Structure formats: structure tokens, C-alpha cells
């Protein structure tokens, strides 16, 4: 069933009220790895690796902006997955299987982390029981796939994160000069702690700069009702605002690691390491306030991933069954069996990683996000191809020479990152 058409904003206030998918996407990305990767990098290396964060954020904005451009502006009026199908019918099917894999793998540390965090926050119950309870609650919100309800919930998460993570960062005393040096000096320090510099960097690029999770954004704007080139400007503002929010939250967590962990030579092996030190350094409220922010970051990602992958796989199944071009519409997924199966898969299958004697939260996070870099060459190469040729996207919106240059650089970066990720994961497992 197709929903009513959304109107284009005409005033600043209307634009501000229309922003939403970018926030949902930013908080989905945040809990998907940025939080832990930033804390590990800041705690182990101070501000030295902030250049990797800057590079990753640049990669992400350009990459996702081009994905959204195809979704809104291609001459066939089709989704990104339908465009990839034009390369070969098996491409979206491959992406679908990868989506199911990472929907589970990302959930492995998200569900485990949210259980551990809630148990610490309230001081009673086991992490496993909290994980099960919170997954059931998330399933109630996610099951019908109503984007409007999810969007409102994410603004609540954003408020909690702003108070918690930004507040703790300001409390810890940031060093702006050191941060600027870390962004522009491209320093590669010696390894500290259990994780190599290459693993931290590639995990950071995988979590921030590019992963299959970037393909979820077009489905959030689709469910918002933004369909067609007329929504391109609004979409860019939305993505820019979401990226800005992500920058603030990422740098807040990084600052906490750099200012509190690094000076004392303490490495991050678990969330307890950071929360306990915050309690010692900032007082008894330091730990609980931090855990509240971690909970909001992780739980928003649990909900965002289940919803986004449900949208994406529903589209893949739809276009794979059709022999004709499939137009983008504002779909009602509340009765979609595919959506419900995928959403429940992303929520409940990761509970196995919350059982006793399974890998720790930090290790799962770093390895999962580094593994995400491995599929990036396929995604970046495919998206570069369909956005650079007029038979896919049309003459007006196909990539300019500078966009092709950037995408070529991103493809090289993705290929290098994939290779380094394989080496880093192999070293971590040995």
C-alpha cells in the first residue's frame, strides 16, 4: 500500500522539522562500532589517530551521499538494489546474504553490550537476562516497521547521548590543540594494548567510513517519503546534520579515552575499565552517566539495524522476484513476512553470543567492524559503476569528473583496507 506524498519544505523551520533519517542513521552507525573503536583508539593512542576518524567520516559522507543520489535521482525511479541488479541479477542477492550475515554479526556485540551495560547501570540481574528482555522490547517496536515511531524514539536516544557522552567529555577536560594535531599530522604510533594499530584503524574505517550498513540510509529516506530528485537538497541537509551529530558524539568518546585513560597508561579491555576509571576520576556519578550513554548508543543501533536490514532485504526479495523495473515507493512493510523475519533474525539470533564463555564485547566489536571492510570493495565498486554511467543514473545526475576521482580513491582505499583487515583479523586470531 502506497502512502500519501510528502511535501517539500519551504521554510527553515519546515526543513528543521523534516530532518530525521539522518539522525536514525547516525545513531545506528554510532552503536555499530564508533563508540568502542573511538574509546580504544583514544585510550591507547591519545589524539594521535584522530586523522583516521577524520578520513573515515569524509569517506562515509561522500559514500552515503552518492548512494542516496542514485536512490533519488536515477532515471529509472528505482532503488539502489534495483540498480545493482542491472550489473548482474546476483549482485543484490549477494548483498542480501552479506546483510543477513552482518545483521547477525553486528548484533553479536550490540546485544551483548546492551545487556552488560544495563546490568551495570541498574546493579542487578545478569547480562544475559537483560539482553533477552531488551531484545523482546525492541521486537515490539520494530515488528511493524513504522518509521515515524522509530524516528521519534531516536530523538529520545539523541537527548540521552547528548547529556551523557558530551557531558562526560566536557567533564574530562578536552585539549583542542592536541586534537587538531591528531587530525592533521597523520601519526602512526607504536602498538599499545592487545589490539594492533592496523586493527584499530581498519576497524575504525569499517565502522565509520564504510560498511554495508551505509546501504540502510536510502531505505530510511524512502520510508520517510522522500522519493525523486526534488528531495535531493533536503536529503543532503539531513545527512549533513546526522554526520555532524556523529562527529560530536564520536569525538566526545574519543576525548574521554584520550584525557582519562591515555595519561594513566591504562588500556581498554572492557566497558568496565572505562566506567570504573570514570567513577574514580569524576566521582561516583561518572560511571553511571557513561553507562547511560553507552546504553542509548547500543540500543538505538539494535533497533536501527533490525529495522534497516528488514527494509533492505524486503526490497531485495521484491526486485529479485520481478523481471521488470521496480519503482521506488513509500512501502508499507507492516505485513511483510520478509521484513519481520529479517528484523527478528537481527534481534534474536545474536543472543547466542551473550551465553557464558563467548568472546568479549570489545573483541567482538573490533573484529566485526574490521571484517566489514572486506566487502567494501564490492559495494564501492558497484556503486561507482552505476552512478558514473548515464544508462543507469541518467545524464543529468551521473558523477562529475571530481566525483569519479573521489570514488576511485575510495575504491583503492577500500581495497587496501580489505587486505589490511584480513591481515589484522588473522593476527588477532593467532
Protein backbone atom coordinates (compact mmCIF):
# COMPACT_ATOMS: atom_id res chain seq x y z
CA UNK A 1 0.00 0.00 0.00
CA UNK A 2 1.42 3.41 -1.07
CA UNK A 3 1.30 6.25 1.46
CA UNK A 4 0.48 9.92 0.70
CA UNK A 5 3.18 12.01 -0.99
CA UNK A 6 5.37 14.14 1.27
CA UNK A 7 5.60 17.87 0.58
CA UNK A 8 8.90 19.74 0.06
CA UNK A 9 9.80 22.08 2.96
CA UNK A 10 9.65 25.80 2.14
CA UNK A 11 10.99 27.46 5.28
CA UNK A 12 13.91 26.93 7.65
CA UNK A 13 11.54 25.68 10.34
CA UNK A 14 9.98 23.17 7.96
CA UNK A 15 13.42 21.93 6.92
CA UNK A 16 14.40 21.54 10.56
CA UNK A 17 11.23 19.61 11.37
CA UNK A 18 11.70 17.38 8.31
CA UNK A 19 15.16 16.16 9.35
CA UNK A 20 15.03 12.65 10.75
CA UNK A 21 16.51 9.79 8.68
CA UNK A 22 20.00 11.24 9.19
CA UNK A 23 19.58 11.03 12.97
CA UNK A 24 18.30 7.46 12.77
CA UNK A 25 21.25 6.56 10.54
CA UNK A 26 23.83 8.38 12.71
CA UNK A 27 22.74 6.62 15.90
CA UNK A 28 22.56 3.29 14.09
CA UNK A 29 26.15 3.82 12.95
CA UNK A 30 27.29 5.05 16.38
CA UNK A 31 26.37 1.93 18.29
CA UNK A 32 27.64 -0.21 15.43
CA UNK A 33 31.25 0.36 16.40
CA UNK A 34 32.18 4.02 16.63
CA UNK A 35 31.72 4.07 20.39
CA UNK A 36 34.12 1.29 21.27
CA UNK A 37 36.58 1.99 18.44
CA UNK A 38 36.86 5.63 19.49
CA UNK A 39 37.37 4.71 23.15
CA UNK A 40 40.04 2.12 22.26
CA UNK A 41 41.85 4.50 19.89
CA UNK A 42 41.67 7.43 22.31
CA UNK A 43 42.61 5.36 25.35
CA UNK A 44 45.53 3.55 23.75
CA UNK A 45 46.87 6.27 21.44
CA UNK A 46 45.56 9.58 22.76
CA UNK A 47 44.70 12.03 19.98
CA UNK A 48 47.30 10.54 17.57
CA UNK A 49 44.83 8.56 15.42
CA UNK A 50 42.17 11.25 15.03
CA UNK A 51 43.24 11.58 11.38
CA UNK A 52 41.74 8.11 10.83
CA UNK A 53 38.44 9.35 12.26
CA UNK A 54 38.51 12.43 10.00
CA UNK A 55 39.26 10.29 6.95
CA UNK A 56 36.56 7.79 7.84
CA UNK A 57 33.90 10.49 8.32
CA UNK A 58 34.81 12.04 4.97
CA UNK A 59 34.57 8.62 3.30
CA UNK A 60 31.21 7.96 4.91
CA UNK A 61 29.60 11.27 3.96
CA UNK A 62 30.70 11.06 0.30
CA UNK A 63 29.88 7.37 0.01
CA UNK A 64 26.40 7.63 1.53
CA UNK A 65 25.63 10.86 -0.33
CA UNK A 66 26.30 9.12 -3.65
CA UNK A 67 24.19 6.13 -2.60
CA UNK A 68 21.32 8.49 -1.78
CA UNK A 69 21.81 10.36 -5.07
CA UNK A 70 21.19 7.20 -7.04
CA UNK A 71 18.13 6.35 -4.96
CA UNK A 72 16.58 9.80 -5.51
CA UNK A 73 17.80 10.83 -8.95
CA UNK A 74 18.27 7.82 -11.24
CA UNK A 75 16.32 7.94 -14.49
CA UNK A 76 14.52 4.65 -13.82
CA UNK A 77 13.00 5.73 -10.49
CA UNK A 78 14.35 2.57 -8.88
CA UNK A 79 16.17 1.69 -5.66
CA UNK A 80 19.91 1.23 -5.28
CA UNK A 81 19.43 -2.55 -5.15
CA UNK A 82 17.50 -2.47 -8.42
CA UNK A 83 20.40 -0.51 -9.92
CA UNK A 84 22.88 -3.13 -8.73
CA UNK A 85 20.65 -5.78 -10.29
CA UNK A 86 21.31 -4.15 -13.68
CA UNK A 87 25.00 -5.06 -13.26
CA UNK A 88 24.06 -8.69 -12.61
CA UNK A 89 20.96 -10.30 -11.05
CA UNK A 90 23.14 -11.96 -8.42
CA UNK A 91 24.61 -8.72 -7.06
CA UNK A 92 21.62 -7.74 -4.85
CA UNK A 93 21.27 -11.38 -3.78
CA UNK A 94 24.93 -11.35 -2.70
CA UNK A 95 24.31 -8.10 -0.80
CA UNK A 96 21.28 -9.73 0.82
CA UNK A 97 23.30 -12.67 2.15
CA UNK A 98 26.01 -10.28 3.36
CA UNK A 99 23.29 -8.22 5.04
CA UNK A 100 21.94 -11.26 6.88
CA UNK A 101 25.47 -12.17 7.97
CA UNK A 102 26.36 -8.73 9.27
CA UNK A 103 22.89 -8.19 10.69
CA UNK A 104 23.74 -11.10 12.95
CA UNK A 105 27.44 -10.27 13.40
CA UNK A 106 26.84 -6.62 14.27
CA UNK A 107 24.08 -7.73 16.59
CA UNK A 108 26.55 -10.05 18.33
CA UNK A 109 28.29 -7.18 20.10
CA UNK A 110 25.30 -4.82 20.21
CA UNK A 111 23.01 -7.25 22.04
CA UNK A 112 25.83 -8.49 24.27
CA UNK A 113 26.91 -4.93 25.06
CA UNK A 114 23.43 -3.63 25.83
CA UNK A 115 22.90 -6.49 28.30
CA UNK A 116 26.23 -5.88 30.05
CA UNK A 117 25.60 -2.13 30.16
CA UNK A 118 22.09 -2.40 31.60
CA UNK A 119 23.21 -4.86 34.27
CA UNK A 120 25.95 -2.42 35.35
CA UNK A 121 23.61 0.56 35.16
CA UNK A 122 20.96 -0.93 37.44
CA UNK A 123 23.25 -3.12 39.54
CA UNK A 124 21.14 -6.28 39.45
CA UNK A 125 20.31 -9.11 37.06
CA UNK A 126 22.60 -10.98 34.69
CA UNK A 127 23.68 -9.55 31.31
CA UNK A 128 22.01 -12.47 29.51
CA UNK A 129 18.63 -11.84 31.14
CA UNK A 130 18.83 -8.11 30.35
CA UNK A 131 19.80 -8.87 26.74
CA UNK A 132 16.79 -11.17 26.32
CA UNK A 133 14.40 -8.66 27.92
CA UNK A 134 15.64 -5.71 25.85
CA UNK A 135 15.55 -7.72 22.62
CA UNK A 136 11.91 -8.61 23.29
CA UNK A 137 11.08 -4.95 23.95
CA UNK A 138 12.90 -3.92 20.76
CA UNK A 139 10.95 -6.54 18.78
CA UNK A 140 7.68 -4.93 19.90
CA UNK A 141 8.78 -1.56 18.47
CA UNK A 142 10.41 -2.97 15.32
CA UNK A 143 7.87 -5.63 14.32
CA UNK A 144 5.51 -3.36 12.37
CA UNK A 145 8.30 -1.29 10.80
CA UNK A 146 6.62 2.10 11.37
CA UNK A 147 9.40 4.58 10.63
CA UNK A 148 7.61 7.54 12.22
CA UNK A 149 7.52 5.84 15.63
CA UNK A 150 11.15 4.74 15.36
CA UNK A 151 12.21 8.26 14.35
CA UNK A 152 10.63 9.78 17.47
CA UNK A 153 12.29 7.19 19.66
CA UNK A 154 15.69 8.08 18.22
CA UNK A 155 15.30 11.71 19.22
CA UNK A 156 14.93 10.47 22.81
CA UNK A 157 18.12 8.44 22.38
CA UNK A 158 19.87 11.54 20.99
CA UNK A 159 18.88 13.59 24.04
CA UNK A 160 20.27 10.92 26.37
CA UNK A 161 23.51 10.69 24.38
CA UNK A 162 23.98 14.45 24.32
CA UNK A 163 23.67 14.71 28.09
CA UNK A 164 25.76 11.63 28.81
CA UNK A 165 28.65 11.42 26.35
CA UNK A 166 29.11 15.12 25.64
CA UNK A 167 28.74 15.89 29.35
CA UNK A 168 31.37 13.34 30.38
CA UNK A 169 33.74 14.60 27.65
CA UNK A 170 33.47 18.20 28.86
CA UNK A 171 33.86 16.99 32.42
CA UNK A 172 37.11 15.21 31.50
CA UNK A 173 38.64 18.41 30.03
CA UNK A 174 39.31 18.21 26.27
CA UNK A 175 42.57 19.50 24.67
CA UNK A 176 41.64 21.30 21.40
CA UNK A 177 45.27 21.88 20.33
CA UNK A 178 46.16 18.19 20.69
CA UNK A 179 43.01 17.24 18.84
CA UNK A 180 43.96 19.47 15.88
CA UNK A 181 47.45 17.93 15.81
CA UNK A 182 45.93 14.45 15.84
CA UNK A 183 43.75 15.28 12.82
CA UNK A 184 46.44 16.82 10.60
CA UNK A 185 49.75 15.12 11.49
CA UNK A 186 48.80 11.59 10.30
CA UNK A 187 50.81 9.97 13.08
CA UNK A 188 51.03 6.16 13.27
CA UNK A 189 52.09 5.33 16.85
CA UNK A 190 53.52 2.06 18.11
CA UNK A 191 51.12 -0.65 19.29
CA UNK A 192 49.74 -0.46 22.80
CA UNK A 193 47.41 -2.92 24.46
CA UNK A 194 46.02 -6.11 22.93
CA UNK A 195 44.98 -4.65 19.58
CA UNK A 196 47.34 -3.66 16.76
CA UNK A 197 47.28 -0.17 15.27
CA UNK A 198 46.22 -1.64 11.92
CA UNK A 199 43.29 -3.48 13.54
CA UNK A 200 42.15 -0.31 15.30
CA UNK A 201 42.46 1.80 12.12
CA UNK A 202 40.75 -0.71 9.83
CA UNK A 203 38.01 -1.30 12.40
CA UNK A 204 37.54 2.46 12.62
CA UNK A 205 37.27 2.79 8.84
CA UNK A 206 34.93 -0.18 8.74
CA UNK A 207 32.71 1.21 11.49
CA UNK A 208 32.75 4.86 10.41
CA UNK A 209 33.91 5.15 6.82
CA UNK A 210 32.11 2.42 5.03
CA UNK A 211 30.23 -0.81 5.54
CA UNK A 212 27.11 -2.50 4.33
CA UNK A 213 25.25 -0.51 7.00
CA UNK A 214 25.63 2.54 4.73
CA UNK A 215 23.10 0.93 2.37
CA UNK A 216 20.39 1.31 5.03
CA UNK A 217 20.13 5.10 4.67
CA UNK A 218 18.27 5.04 1.30
CA UNK A 219 15.59 2.90 2.94
CA UNK A 220 15.16 5.31 5.82
CA UNK A 221 14.62 8.21 3.39
CA UNK A 222 12.29 6.00 1.35
CA UNK A 223 10.17 5.24 4.41
CA UNK A 224 10.20 8.95 5.23
CA UNK A 225 8.57 9.54 1.84
CA UNK A 226 11.49 11.27 0.12
CA UNK A 227 11.18 9.97 -3.43
CA UNK A 228 12.54 11.73 -6.51
CA UNK A 229 15.18 14.41 -7.32
CA UNK A 230 13.17 17.18 -5.67
CA UNK A 231 14.18 15.78 -2.27
CA UNK A 232 17.93 15.81 -3.01
CA UNK A 233 18.64 19.11 -1.23
CA UNK A 234 16.63 18.09 1.84
CA UNK A 235 18.41 14.75 1.89
CA UNK A 236 21.84 16.43 1.81
CA UNK A 237 20.91 18.70 4.71
CA UNK A 238 19.59 15.69 6.59
CA UNK A 239 22.74 13.64 6.02
CA UNK A 240 24.99 16.59 6.88
CA UNK A 241 23.14 17.12 10.16
CA UNK A 242 23.33 13.43 11.02
CA UNK A 243 27.06 13.41 10.23
CA UNK A 244 27.58 16.48 12.41
CA UNK A 245 25.84 14.73 15.30
CA UNK A 246 28.06 11.70 14.71
CA UNK A 247 31.20 13.85 14.78
CA UNK A 248 30.26 15.41 18.12
CA UNK A 249 29.42 12.07 19.75
CA UNK A 250 32.47 10.26 18.33
CA UNK A 251 34.87 12.99 19.43
CA UNK A 252 33.25 13.04 22.86
CA UNK A 253 34.02 9.35 23.40
CA UNK A 254 37.49 9.78 21.91
CA UNK A 255 38.18 12.68 24.29
CA UNK A 256 37.18 10.59 27.29
CA UNK A 257 39.67 7.92 26.26
CA UNK A 258 42.44 10.40 25.42
CA UNK A 259 42.09 12.53 28.54
CA UNK A 260 41.34 9.91 31.18
CA UNK A 261 42.70 6.56 30.02
CA UNK A 262 45.76 7.53 27.99
CA UNK A 263 47.59 9.72 30.56
CA UNK A 264 47.47 6.88 33.07
CA UNK A 265 48.66 4.26 30.60
CA UNK A 266 45.50 2.18 31.02
CA UNK A 267 44.32 0.09 28.05
CA UNK A 268 40.67 -0.62 27.34
CA UNK A 269 39.81 -4.31 27.54
CA UNK A 270 36.14 -3.99 28.60
CA UNK A 271 33.49 -1.39 29.27
CA UNK A 272 34.18 -1.86 32.98
CA UNK A 273 37.72 -0.50 32.53
CA UNK A 274 36.41 2.81 31.27
CA UNK A 275 33.39 3.12 33.55
CA UNK A 276 35.37 2.23 36.69
CA UNK A 277 38.06 4.78 35.89
CA UNK A 278 35.41 7.42 35.22
CA UNK A 279 33.96 6.69 38.65
CA UNK A 280 37.38 7.10 40.27
CA UNK A 281 38.29 10.22 38.28
CA UNK A 282 34.98 12.06 38.04
CA UNK A 283 33.17 10.79 41.11
CA UNK A 284 30.53 8.15 41.74
CA UNK A 285 28.23 9.58 39.07
CA UNK A 286 30.86 9.31 36.32
CA UNK A 287 30.36 5.59 35.67
CA UNK A 288 26.53 5.56 35.67
CA UNK A 289 26.32 8.62 33.41
CA UNK A 290 28.69 6.96 30.95
CA UNK A 291 26.79 3.68 31.05
CA UNK A 292 23.57 5.57 30.30
CA UNK A 293 25.13 6.97 27.13
CA UNK A 294 26.52 3.57 26.14
CA UNK A 295 23.05 2.05 26.61
CA UNK A 296 21.44 4.68 24.37
CA UNK A 297 24.12 4.23 21.68
CA UNK A 298 23.92 0.44 21.65
CA UNK A 299 20.15 0.11 21.96
CA UNK A 300 19.49 2.63 19.19
CA UNK A 301 21.76 0.53 16.97
CA UNK A 302 19.97 -2.68 17.92
CA UNK A 303 16.68 -1.13 16.78
CA UNK A 304 18.15 0.71 13.77
CA UNK A 305 19.93 -2.34 12.38
CA UNK A 306 16.93 -4.64 12.71
CA UNK A 307 14.67 -2.06 11.04
CA UNK A 308 17.12 -1.08 8.29
CA UNK A 309 18.11 -4.60 7.30
CA UNK A 310 14.44 -5.56 7.32
CA UNK A 311 13.70 -2.73 4.86
CA UNK A 312 16.68 -3.63 2.66
CA UNK A 313 16.02 -7.37 2.45
CA UNK A 314 12.35 -6.72 1.71
CA UNK A 315 13.41 -4.63 -1.29
CA UNK A 316 15.91 -7.26 -2.44
CA UNK A 317 13.27 -10.00 -2.34
CA UNK A 318 10.81 -7.73 -4.18
CA UNK A 319 13.15 -6.82 -7.05
CA UNK A 320 14.60 -10.34 -7.31
CA UNK A 321 11.13 -11.76 -7.94
CA UNK A 322 10.28 -9.17 -10.58
CA UNK A 323 11.51 -9.34 -14.17
CA UNK A 324 10.63 -5.67 -14.77
CA UNK A 325 11.96 -2.40 -13.35
CA UNK A 326 10.60 -1.80 -9.85
CA UNK A 327 9.77 1.78 -8.94
CA UNK A 328 10.63 3.19 -5.51
CA UNK A 329 7.53 3.77 -3.38
CA UNK A 330 6.89 4.52 0.26
CA UNK A 331 6.27 0.90 1.18
CA UNK A 332 4.04 -0.37 3.98
CA UNK A 333 6.12 -3.22 5.43
CA UNK A 334 3.85 -3.88 8.43
CA UNK A 335 2.61 -7.11 6.80
CA UNK A 336 5.82 -8.11 5.03
CA UNK A 337 6.95 -11.59 6.02
CA UNK A 338 10.46 -10.84 4.77
CA UNK A 339 10.71 -7.70 6.90
CA UNK A 340 9.52 -9.50 10.03
CA UNK A 341 11.82 -12.49 9.52
CA UNK A 342 14.90 -10.32 8.97
CA UNK A 343 14.07 -8.00 11.88
CA UNK A 344 13.62 -10.93 14.24
CA UNK A 345 16.78 -12.59 12.88
CA UNK A 346 18.82 -9.45 13.62
CA UNK A 347 17.34 -9.23 17.12
CA UNK A 348 17.23 -12.79 18.42
CA UNK A 349 19.99 -14.77 16.64
CA UNK A 350 22.80 -12.67 18.23
CA UNK A 351 21.68 -13.77 21.71
CA UNK A 352 23.91 -16.83 21.29
CA UNK A 353 26.94 -14.53 21.78
CA UNK A 354 25.60 -13.48 25.19
CA UNK A 355 25.97 -17.00 26.57
CA UNK A 356 28.83 -17.69 29.04
CA UNK A 357 32.39 -18.20 27.73
CA UNK A 358 31.72 -16.40 24.46
CA UNK A 359 34.19 -13.71 23.18
CA UNK A 360 34.18 -10.38 25.00
CA UNK A 361 32.26 -7.29 23.88
CA UNK A 362 35.35 -5.29 22.85
CA UNK A 363 36.89 -8.13 20.83
CA UNK A 364 33.62 -8.85 19.01
CA UNK A 365 33.22 -5.17 18.16
CA UNK A 366 36.69 -4.68 16.69
CA UNK A 367 36.75 -7.93 14.72
CA UNK A 368 33.19 -7.49 13.37
CA UNK A 369 33.84 -3.96 12.13
CA UNK A 370 37.22 -4.87 10.66
CA UNK A 371 35.51 -7.76 8.84
CA UNK A 372 33.02 -5.26 7.43
CA UNK A 373 35.81 -3.61 5.46
CA UNK A 374 36.33 -6.83 3.48
CA UNK A 375 33.07 -6.41 1.49
CA UNK A 376 33.59 -2.68 0.93
CA UNK A 377 35.44 -3.03 -2.43
CA UNK A 378 32.43 -4.85 -3.92
CA UNK A 379 30.00 -2.24 -2.62
CA UNK A 380 32.09 0.80 -3.51
CA UNK A 381 32.98 -0.61 -6.94
CA UNK A 382 29.38 -1.44 -7.77
CA UNK A 383 28.06 1.92 -6.62
CA UNK A 384 30.80 3.74 -8.51
CA UNK A 385 29.78 1.87 -11.68
CA UNK A 386 26.02 2.60 -11.53
CA UNK A 387 26.48 6.26 -10.59
CA UNK A 388 29.06 7.00 -13.29
CA UNK A 389 27.18 5.64 -16.34
CA UNK A 390 24.27 7.52 -17.87
CA UNK A 391 22.38 4.34 -18.79
CA UNK A 392 21.93 3.75 -15.04
CA UNK A 393 21.52 7.16 -13.42
CA UNK A 394 20.95 9.39 -16.47
CA UNK A 395 22.96 12.24 -17.98
CA UNK A 396 21.97 14.98 -15.53
CA UNK A 397 22.96 13.24 -12.32
CA UNK A 398 25.80 10.95 -13.33
CA UNK A 399 29.05 11.57 -11.48
CA UNK A 400 31.14 14.60 -12.36
CA UNK A 401 34.85 14.06 -13.00
CA UNK A 402 35.74 15.02 -9.44
CA UNK A 403 33.15 12.62 -8.02
CA UNK A 404 34.62 9.81 -10.11
CA UNK A 405 38.08 10.79 -8.86
CA UNK A 406 36.89 10.62 -5.24
CA UNK A 407 35.16 7.29 -5.81
CA UNK A 408 38.27 5.91 -7.47
CA UNK A 409 40.28 6.92 -4.41
CA UNK A 410 37.65 5.35 -2.16
CA UNK A 411 37.79 2.13 -4.15
CA UNK A 412 41.58 2.00 -3.75
CA UNK A 413 41.20 2.77 -0.04
CA UNK A 414 38.54 0.06 0.28
CA UNK A 415 40.76 -2.50 -1.44
CA UNK A 416 43.73 -1.60 0.75
CA UNK A 417 41.53 -1.61 3.85
CA UNK A 418 40.09 -5.02 2.98
CA UNK A 419 43.58 -6.51 2.64
CA UNK A 420 44.80 -4.93 5.88
CA UNK A 421 41.62 -6.11 7.60
CA UNK A 422 42.25 -9.72 6.55
CA UNK A 423 45.83 -9.50 7.89
CA UNK A 424 44.73 -7.80 11.12
CA UNK A 425 41.99 -10.33 11.83
CA UNK A 426 44.37 -13.23 11.08
CA UNK A 427 46.90 -11.80 13.52
CA UNK A 428 44.22 -11.23 16.17
CA UNK A 429 43.01 -14.83 15.90
CA UNK A 430 46.50 -16.35 16.08
